[in-house]
């Protein structure tokens, strides 16, 4: 997988996230109308990665969503393109990652900016947690592969 800093839309803390305060939008957005090709028509994915485990004093879930909006701060006329199921804090440990597919016709959705948001749920606020989200083309095993010493290919 090749990473591109211009395709990273989130590198932010998940705490404190107020569980009854509604969705929290990503710290960055991608301008879909700038003069470049982001691969419309290709299979593109938003890769979410938990960098710091989510903790809370009570049961807690988070739902991750790919969104588009009319403005760069992702607050005007927000539309959800794809979303995860509600994921429990027991699953949201450091190193957990998952992709969500971005619709191939994203440029024709009528909105200018692409980003993500997190919708918390539970009986208490998150006390720790951090995630990143970025657009990728290919889904690979992010854990990598290791082979035993002396392995050869003929």
N, C-alpha and C. Protein backbone atom coordinates (compact mmCIF):
# COMPACT_ATOMS: atom_id res chain seq x y z
N UNK A 1 0.85 -1.17 0.00
CA UNK A 1 0.00 0.00 0.00
C UNK A 1 0.89 1.24 0.00
N UNK A 2 0.57 2.18 -0.85
CA UNK A 2 1.30 3.44 -0.92
C UNK A 2 0.46 4.51 -0.24
N UNK A 3 1.06 5.22 0.70
CA UNK A 3 0.36 6.27 1.42
C UNK A 3 0.65 7.63 0.80
N UNK A 4 -0.34 8.49 0.78
CA UNK A 4 -0.20 9.85 0.25
C UNK A 4 -0.77 10.80 1.29
N UNK A 5 0.04 11.72 1.77
CA UNK A 5 -0.40 12.64 2.82
C UNK A 5 -1.59 13.48 2.37
N UNK A 6 -1.72 13.73 1.07
CA UNK A 6 -2.84 14.52 0.58
C UNK A 6 -4.15 13.74 0.58
N UNK A 7 -4.08 12.43 0.76
CA UNK A 7 -5.28 11.61 0.81
C UNK A 7 -5.66 11.19 2.24
N UNK A 8 -4.95 11.73 3.23
CA UNK A 8 -5.27 11.47 4.63
C UNK A 8 -6.27 12.52 5.09
N UNK A 9 -7.41 12.07 5.58
CA UNK A 9 -8.44 13.01 6.01
C UNK A 9 -8.57 13.10 7.53
N UNK A 10 -7.98 12.17 8.24
CA UNK A 10 -8.09 12.21 9.70
C UNK A 10 -6.83 11.65 10.33
N UNK A 11 -6.38 12.34 11.35
CA UNK A 11 -5.30 11.91 12.24
C UNK A 11 -5.62 12.62 13.55
N UNK A 12 -6.60 12.08 14.25
CA UNK A 12 -7.12 12.85 15.37
C UNK A 12 -7.53 11.99 16.56
N UNK A 13 -7.63 12.67 17.67
CA UNK A 13 -8.04 12.03 18.92
C UNK A 13 -9.52 11.71 18.90
N UNK A 14 -9.87 10.63 19.55
CA UNK A 14 -11.26 10.25 19.73
C UNK A 14 -11.75 10.58 21.12
N UNK A 15 -10.94 11.24 21.90
CA UNK A 15 -11.34 11.62 23.25
C UNK A 15 -10.87 13.04 23.53
N UNK A 16 -11.62 13.85 24.20
CA UNK A 16 -12.96 13.46 24.62
C UNK A 16 -13.96 13.64 23.48
N UNK A 17 -14.71 12.59 23.20
CA UNK A 17 -15.82 12.66 22.26
C UNK A 17 -17.09 12.47 23.06
N UNK A 18 -17.94 13.44 23.03
CA UNK A 18 -19.18 13.43 23.80
C UNK A 18 -20.17 12.47 23.16
N UNK A 19 -20.52 11.39 23.85
CA UNK A 19 -21.37 10.36 23.26
C UNK A 19 -22.74 10.88 22.87
N UNK A 20 -23.23 11.91 23.53
CA UNK A 20 -24.54 12.43 23.15
C UNK A 20 -24.44 13.74 22.37
N UNK A 21 -23.25 14.06 21.92
CA UNK A 21 -23.04 15.31 21.20
C UNK A 21 -23.14 15.18 19.69
N UNK A 22 -23.44 13.99 19.18
CA UNK A 22 -23.56 13.81 17.74
C UNK A 22 -22.24 13.45 17.09
N UNK A 23 -22.23 13.43 15.77
CA UNK A 23 -21.06 13.02 15.00
C UNK A 23 -19.93 14.03 15.08
N UNK A 24 -18.70 13.52 15.00
CA UNK A 24 -17.50 14.36 14.99
C UNK A 24 -16.83 14.19 13.63
N UNK A 25 -16.68 15.29 12.89
CA UNK A 25 -16.12 15.22 11.54
C UNK A 25 -14.59 15.20 11.58
N UNK A 26 -14.02 14.70 10.48
CA UNK A 26 -12.56 14.60 10.37
C UNK A 26 -11.89 15.97 10.34
N UNK A 27 -10.63 15.97 10.67
CA UNK A 27 -9.87 17.20 10.76
C UNK A 27 -9.51 17.78 9.40
N UNK A 28 -9.60 16.99 8.33
CA UNK A 28 -9.27 17.44 6.99
C UNK A 28 -10.33 16.94 6.02
N UNK A 29 -10.32 17.52 4.83
CA UNK A 29 -11.21 17.07 3.77
C UNK A 29 -10.45 17.10 2.45
N UNK A 30 -10.98 16.40 1.46
CA UNK A 30 -10.38 16.37 0.12
C UNK A 30 -11.32 17.11 -0.82
N UNK A 31 -10.77 18.08 -1.54
CA UNK A 31 -11.54 18.87 -2.50
C UNK A 31 -11.68 18.05 -3.78
N UNK A 32 -12.88 17.59 -4.08
CA UNK A 32 -13.12 16.75 -5.25
C UNK A 32 -13.17 17.54 -6.55
N UNK A 33 -13.19 18.87 -6.46
CA UNK A 33 -13.24 19.68 -7.67
C UNK A 33 -11.91 20.30 -8.05
N UNK A 34 -10.85 20.00 -7.30
CA UNK A 34 -9.55 20.53 -7.70
C UNK A 34 -9.09 19.80 -8.96
N UNK A 35 -8.17 20.38 -9.66
CA UNK A 35 -7.74 19.86 -10.97
C UNK A 35 -6.84 18.65 -10.81
N UNK A 36 -7.44 17.51 -10.49
CA UNK A 36 -6.70 16.25 -10.40
C UNK A 36 -7.69 15.09 -10.52
N UNK A 37 -7.17 13.94 -10.78
CA UNK A 37 -8.00 12.75 -10.92
C UNK A 37 -7.81 11.90 -9.67
N UNK A 38 -8.87 11.73 -8.88
CA UNK A 38 -8.74 10.90 -7.67
C UNK A 38 -9.12 9.47 -7.94
N UNK A 39 -9.39 9.13 -9.19
CA UNK A 39 -9.67 7.74 -9.52
C UNK A 39 -11.12 7.39 -9.60
N UNK A 40 -11.98 8.35 -9.97
CA UNK A 40 -13.40 8.05 -10.09
C UNK A 40 -13.59 6.90 -11.07
N UNK A 41 -14.43 5.96 -10.70
CA UNK A 41 -14.66 4.78 -11.49
C UNK A 41 -13.81 3.61 -11.04
N UNK A 42 -12.77 3.87 -10.27
CA UNK A 42 -11.90 2.84 -9.71
C UNK A 42 -12.45 2.39 -8.36
N UNK A 43 -12.04 1.23 -7.91
CA UNK A 43 -12.36 0.81 -6.55
C UNK A 43 -11.44 1.55 -5.59
N UNK A 44 -12.00 2.47 -4.84
CA UNK A 44 -11.26 3.21 -3.84
C UNK A 44 -11.86 2.91 -2.47
N UNK A 45 -11.02 2.99 -1.45
CA UNK A 45 -11.44 2.66 -0.10
C UNK A 45 -10.95 3.72 0.87
N UNK A 46 -11.68 3.89 1.96
CA UNK A 46 -11.21 4.69 3.07
C UNK A 46 -10.72 3.68 4.11
N UNK A 47 -9.44 3.76 4.44
CA UNK A 47 -8.87 2.85 5.44
C UNK A 47 -8.85 3.56 6.78
N UNK A 48 -9.54 2.97 7.76
CA UNK A 48 -9.56 3.49 9.12
C UNK A 48 -8.61 2.65 9.96
N UNK A 49 -7.79 3.32 10.75
CA UNK A 49 -6.84 2.62 11.61
C UNK A 49 -6.92 3.21 13.02
N UNK A 50 -7.06 2.33 14.01
CA UNK A 50 -7.05 2.78 15.41
C UNK A 50 -5.60 2.81 15.87
N UNK A 51 -5.11 4.00 16.20
CA UNK A 51 -3.72 4.18 16.63
C UNK A 51 -3.56 4.06 18.14
N UNK A 52 -4.56 4.54 18.89
CA UNK A 52 -4.58 4.45 20.35
C UNK A 52 -5.93 3.87 20.73
N UNK A 53 -5.94 2.85 21.55
CA UNK A 53 -7.17 2.15 21.94
C UNK A 53 -8.20 3.11 22.51
N UNK A 54 -9.46 2.86 22.18
CA UNK A 54 -10.57 3.64 22.72
C UNK A 54 -10.90 3.11 24.11
N UNK A 55 -10.97 4.01 25.06
CA UNK A 55 -11.36 3.63 26.42
C UNK A 55 -12.53 4.50 26.86
N UNK A 56 -13.30 3.97 27.78
CA UNK A 56 -14.46 4.65 28.33
C UNK A 56 -14.80 3.99 29.65
N UNK A 57 -15.47 4.74 30.51
CA UNK A 57 -15.85 4.18 31.81
C UNK A 57 -17.08 3.29 31.74
N UNK A 58 -17.72 3.21 30.57
CA UNK A 58 -18.92 2.39 30.41
C UNK A 58 -18.93 1.80 29.00
N UNK A 59 -19.97 1.04 28.70
CA UNK A 59 -20.11 0.47 27.35
C UNK A 59 -20.06 1.60 26.32
N UNK A 60 -19.38 1.35 25.22
CA UNK A 60 -19.14 2.41 24.25
C UNK A 60 -19.02 1.81 22.86
N UNK A 61 -19.57 2.48 21.87
CA UNK A 61 -19.41 2.08 20.47
C UNK A 61 -19.09 3.30 19.63
N UNK A 62 -18.55 3.03 18.43
CA UNK A 62 -18.32 4.08 17.46
C UNK A 62 -18.69 3.56 16.09
N UNK A 63 -19.31 4.43 15.31
CA UNK A 63 -19.65 4.10 13.94
C UNK A 63 -18.87 5.07 13.05
N UNK A 64 -18.14 4.54 12.09
CA UNK A 64 -17.30 5.33 11.21
C UNK A 64 -18.01 5.49 9.87
N UNK A 65 -18.01 6.72 9.34
CA UNK A 65 -18.76 7.02 8.13
C UNK A 65 -17.92 7.81 7.14
N UNK A 66 -18.08 7.48 5.86
CA UNK A 66 -17.50 8.28 4.78
C UNK A 66 -18.57 9.29 4.38
N UNK A 67 -18.19 10.56 4.32
CA UNK A 67 -19.16 11.60 4.04
C UNK A 67 -18.69 12.54 2.93
N UNK A 68 -19.65 13.24 2.35
CA UNK A 68 -19.35 14.37 1.47
C UNK A 68 -20.12 15.56 2.02
N UNK A 69 -19.64 16.76 1.69
CA UNK A 69 -20.29 17.98 2.16
C UNK A 69 -20.03 19.10 1.17
N UNK A 70 -20.76 20.18 1.34
CA UNK A 70 -20.63 21.35 0.46
C UNK A 70 -19.46 22.25 0.83
N UNK A 71 -18.93 22.12 2.06
CA UNK A 71 -17.85 23.00 2.47
C UNK A 71 -16.70 22.21 3.09
N UNK A 72 -15.52 22.83 3.12
CA UNK A 72 -14.29 22.16 3.52
C UNK A 72 -14.30 21.67 4.96
N UNK A 73 -15.05 22.33 5.84
CA UNK A 73 -15.07 21.87 7.24
C UNK A 73 -16.12 20.78 7.47
N UNK A 74 -16.73 20.28 6.38
CA UNK A 74 -17.63 19.12 6.40
C UNK A 74 -18.86 19.31 7.29
N UNK A 75 -19.40 20.53 7.29
CA UNK A 75 -20.57 20.79 8.12
C UNK A 75 -21.82 21.18 7.33
N UNK A 76 -21.70 21.43 6.03
CA UNK A 76 -22.84 21.87 5.25
C UNK A 76 -23.37 20.80 4.31
N UNK A 77 -24.64 20.46 4.45
CA UNK A 77 -25.31 19.51 3.57
C UNK A 77 -24.55 18.18 3.53
N UNK A 78 -24.32 17.60 4.68
CA UNK A 78 -23.54 16.37 4.80
C UNK A 78 -24.36 15.17 4.32
N UNK A 79 -23.71 14.32 3.49
CA UNK A 79 -24.33 13.08 3.03
C UNK A 79 -23.41 11.92 3.38
N UNK A 80 -23.98 10.86 3.91
CA UNK A 80 -23.22 9.66 4.26
C UNK A 80 -23.18 8.74 3.04
N UNK A 81 -21.95 8.39 2.60
CA UNK A 81 -21.77 7.53 1.43
C UNK A 81 -21.67 6.06 1.81
N UNK A 82 -21.06 5.78 2.94
CA UNK A 82 -20.89 4.41 3.43
C UNK A 82 -20.58 4.48 4.91
N UNK A 83 -20.89 3.42 5.64
CA UNK A 83 -20.62 3.44 7.08
C UNK A 83 -20.40 2.04 7.62
N UNK A 84 -19.67 1.99 8.70
CA UNK A 84 -19.44 0.72 9.40
C UNK A 84 -20.63 0.43 10.29
N UNK A 85 -20.67 -0.78 10.81
CA UNK A 85 -21.60 -1.08 11.88
C UNK A 85 -21.08 -0.38 13.13
N UNK A 86 -21.86 -0.33 14.20
CA UNK A 86 -21.38 0.19 15.47
C UNK A 86 -20.32 -0.78 16.00
N UNK A 87 -19.14 -0.28 16.29
CA UNK A 87 -18.02 -1.11 16.73
C UNK A 87 -17.79 -0.86 18.22
N UNK A 88 -17.72 -1.92 19.01
CA UNK A 88 -17.56 -1.78 20.46
C UNK A 88 -16.14 -1.38 20.84
N UNK A 89 -16.02 -0.78 22.01
CA UNK A 89 -14.69 -0.35 22.47
C UNK A 89 -13.75 -1.53 22.66
N UNK A 90 -14.29 -2.74 22.91
CA UNK A 90 -13.44 -3.92 23.05
C UNK A 90 -12.72 -4.25 21.74
N UNK A 91 -13.31 -3.88 20.63
CA UNK A 91 -12.71 -4.11 19.31
C UNK A 91 -11.78 -2.97 18.91
N UNK A 92 -12.04 -1.77 19.40
CA UNK A 92 -11.29 -0.58 18.98
C UNK A 92 -9.97 -0.46 19.74
N UNK A 93 -9.11 -1.44 19.53
CA UNK A 93 -7.79 -1.48 20.17
C UNK A 93 -6.73 -1.00 19.19
N UNK A 94 -5.59 -0.60 19.70
CA UNK A 94 -4.50 -0.13 18.84
C UNK A 94 -4.13 -1.22 17.83
N UNK A 95 -4.05 -0.82 16.57
CA UNK A 95 -3.72 -1.75 15.51
C UNK A 95 -4.92 -2.28 14.75
N UNK A 96 -6.13 -2.08 15.28
CA UNK A 96 -7.33 -2.52 14.58
C UNK A 96 -7.53 -1.62 13.37
N UNK A 97 -7.82 -2.20 12.23
CA UNK A 97 -8.06 -1.41 11.02
C UNK A 97 -9.13 -2.07 10.17
N UNK A 98 -9.78 -1.28 9.35
CA UNK A 98 -10.80 -1.80 8.44
C UNK A 98 -11.00 -0.80 7.31
N UNK A 99 -11.33 -1.31 6.11
CA UNK A 99 -11.63 -0.43 4.99
C UNK A 99 -13.14 -0.31 4.77
N UNK A 100 -13.55 0.81 4.23
CA UNK A 100 -14.92 0.99 3.73
C UNK A 100 -14.80 1.46 2.30
N UNK A 101 -15.59 0.88 1.41
CA UNK A 101 -15.50 1.26 0.00
C UNK A 101 -16.14 2.63 -0.22
N UNK A 102 -15.47 3.42 -1.04
CA UNK A 102 -15.98 4.71 -1.48
C UNK A 102 -16.75 4.45 -2.78
N UNK A 103 -17.97 4.95 -2.93
CA UNK A 103 -18.70 4.72 -4.17
C UNK A 103 -17.88 5.17 -5.39
N UNK A 104 -17.83 4.35 -6.44
CA UNK A 104 -17.01 4.68 -7.61
C UNK A 104 -17.43 5.95 -8.34
N UNK A 105 -18.68 6.38 -8.18
CA UNK A 105 -19.16 7.59 -8.85
C UNK A 105 -19.16 8.80 -7.93
N UNK A 106 -18.17 8.89 -7.07
CA UNK A 106 -18.14 9.94 -6.05
C UNK A 106 -18.19 11.35 -6.63
N UNK A 107 -17.55 11.56 -7.77
CA UNK A 107 -17.52 12.90 -8.37
C UNK A 107 -18.88 13.38 -8.86
N UNK A 108 -19.80 12.47 -9.08
CA UNK A 108 -21.12 12.85 -9.58
C UNK A 108 -22.16 12.96 -8.47
N UNK A 109 -21.73 12.89 -7.22
CA UNK A 109 -22.65 12.98 -6.08
C UNK A 109 -23.10 14.42 -5.83
N UNK A 110 -22.43 15.39 -6.46
CA UNK A 110 -22.86 16.78 -6.37
C UNK A 110 -22.27 17.57 -5.23
N UNK A 111 -21.40 16.97 -4.45
CA UNK A 111 -20.79 17.73 -3.36
C UNK A 111 -19.28 17.81 -3.58
N UNK A 112 -18.70 18.83 -3.02
CA UNK A 112 -17.32 19.16 -3.33
C UNK A 112 -16.29 18.49 -2.43
N UNK A 113 -16.60 18.23 -1.18
CA UNK A 113 -15.59 17.78 -0.22
C UNK A 113 -15.88 16.38 0.30
N UNK A 114 -14.81 15.62 0.44
CA UNK A 114 -14.88 14.25 0.95
C UNK A 114 -14.17 14.20 2.29
N UNK A 115 -14.76 13.49 3.24
CA UNK A 115 -14.14 13.32 4.55
C UNK A 115 -14.77 12.15 5.28
N UNK A 116 -14.57 12.10 6.57
CA UNK A 116 -15.17 11.06 7.40
C UNK A 116 -15.73 11.68 8.66
N UNK A 117 -16.59 10.92 9.31
CA UNK A 117 -17.06 11.32 10.63
C UNK A 117 -17.23 10.09 11.50
N UNK A 118 -17.19 10.32 12.80
CA UNK A 118 -17.37 9.25 13.78
C UNK A 118 -18.60 9.59 14.60
N UNK A 119 -19.51 8.62 14.72
CA UNK A 119 -20.70 8.81 15.54
C UNK A 119 -20.58 7.90 16.76
N UNK A 120 -20.39 8.50 17.95
CA UNK A 120 -20.24 7.70 19.16
C UNK A 120 -21.59 7.27 19.72
N UNK A 121 -21.56 6.21 20.52
CA UNK A 121 -22.76 5.75 21.21
C UNK A 121 -22.37 5.05 22.49
N UNK A 122 -23.17 5.21 23.49
CA UNK A 122 -22.88 4.55 24.76
C UNK A 122 -23.40 5.34 25.93
N UNK A 123 -22.97 4.95 27.09
CA UNK A 123 -23.46 5.57 28.32
C UNK A 123 -22.45 6.53 28.94
N UNK A 124 -21.30 6.72 28.31
CA UNK A 124 -20.29 7.62 28.85
C UNK A 124 -19.42 8.11 27.72
N UNK A 125 -18.63 9.14 27.96
CA UNK A 125 -17.73 9.68 26.95
C UNK A 125 -16.48 8.83 26.83
N UNK A 126 -15.85 8.85 25.66
CA UNK A 126 -14.56 8.20 25.48
C UNK A 126 -13.52 8.97 26.28
N UNK A 127 -12.61 8.26 26.93
CA UNK A 127 -11.56 8.91 27.72
C UNK A 127 -10.21 8.85 27.02
N UNK A 128 -10.07 8.02 26.00
CA UNK A 128 -8.84 7.95 25.21
C UNK A 128 -9.18 7.34 23.86
N UNK A 129 -8.27 7.52 22.93
CA UNK A 129 -8.42 6.94 21.60
C UNK A 129 -7.92 7.88 20.53
N UNK A 130 -7.42 7.29 19.44
CA UNK A 130 -6.94 8.08 18.31
C UNK A 130 -7.06 7.23 17.06
N UNK A 131 -7.42 7.86 15.93
CA UNK A 131 -7.53 7.12 14.68
C UNK A 131 -6.99 7.94 13.51
N UNK A 132 -6.71 7.24 12.42
CA UNK A 132 -6.37 7.87 11.16
C UNK A 132 -7.32 7.30 10.10
N UNK A 133 -7.53 8.08 9.05
CA UNK A 133 -8.33 7.63 7.91
C UNK A 133 -7.72 8.21 6.65
N UNK A 134 -7.58 7.36 5.64
CA UNK A 134 -6.99 7.81 4.38
C UNK A 134 -7.56 7.03 3.21
N UNK A 135 -7.56 7.67 2.05
CA UNK A 135 -8.03 7.02 0.83
C UNK A 135 -6.92 6.12 0.31
N UNK A 136 -7.29 4.88 -0.04
CA UNK A 136 -6.34 3.94 -0.62
C UNK A 136 -6.97 3.28 -1.84
N UNK A 137 -6.14 2.73 -2.69
CA UNK A 137 -6.64 2.04 -3.88
C UNK A 137 -6.74 0.54 -3.66
N UNK A 138 -5.75 -0.04 -3.03
CA UNK A 138 -5.71 -1.49 -2.83
C UNK A 138 -5.74 -1.82 -1.35
N UNK A 139 -6.52 -2.84 -1.02
CA UNK A 139 -6.55 -3.33 0.36
C UNK A 139 -5.49 -4.41 0.48
N UNK A 140 -4.59 -4.21 1.42
CA UNK A 140 -3.53 -5.18 1.66
C UNK A 140 -3.53 -5.56 3.13
N UNK A 141 -2.81 -6.59 3.44
CA UNK A 141 -2.63 -7.00 4.83
C UNK A 141 -1.65 -6.03 5.48
N UNK A 142 -2.15 -5.12 6.27
CA UNK A 142 -1.31 -4.09 6.88
C UNK A 142 -0.34 -4.66 7.91
N UNK A 143 -0.54 -5.89 8.33
CA UNK A 143 0.35 -6.48 9.32
C UNK A 143 1.64 -6.98 8.69
N UNK A 144 1.67 -7.09 7.37
CA UNK A 144 2.89 -7.52 6.68
C UNK A 144 3.10 -9.02 6.78
N UNK A 145 4.05 -9.49 6.06
CA UNK A 145 4.37 -10.91 6.04
C UNK A 145 5.84 -11.10 6.40
N UNK A 146 6.11 -12.13 7.18
CA UNK A 146 7.48 -12.48 7.50
C UNK A 146 7.68 -13.94 7.14
N UNK A 147 8.81 -14.22 6.53
CA UNK A 147 9.13 -15.58 6.12
C UNK A 147 10.34 -16.08 6.90
N UNK A 148 10.44 -17.39 7.08
CA UNK A 148 11.57 -17.92 7.86
C UNK A 148 12.90 -17.68 7.16
N UNK A 149 13.95 -17.63 7.95
CA UNK A 149 15.30 -17.44 7.42
C UNK A 149 15.64 -18.56 6.45
N UNK A 150 16.32 -18.23 5.37
CA UNK A 150 16.74 -19.23 4.40
C UNK A 150 15.71 -19.52 3.33
N UNK A 151 14.60 -18.82 3.35
CA UNK A 151 13.57 -19.03 2.35
C UNK A 151 14.09 -18.56 1.00
N UNK A 152 13.90 -19.35 -0.03
CA UNK A 152 14.39 -18.96 -1.36
C UNK A 152 13.30 -19.20 -2.40
N UNK A 153 13.38 -18.45 -3.46
CA UNK A 153 12.46 -18.58 -4.57
C UNK A 153 13.24 -19.04 -5.76
N UNK A 154 12.78 -20.11 -6.41
CA UNK A 154 13.53 -20.63 -7.56
C UNK A 154 12.83 -20.32 -8.86
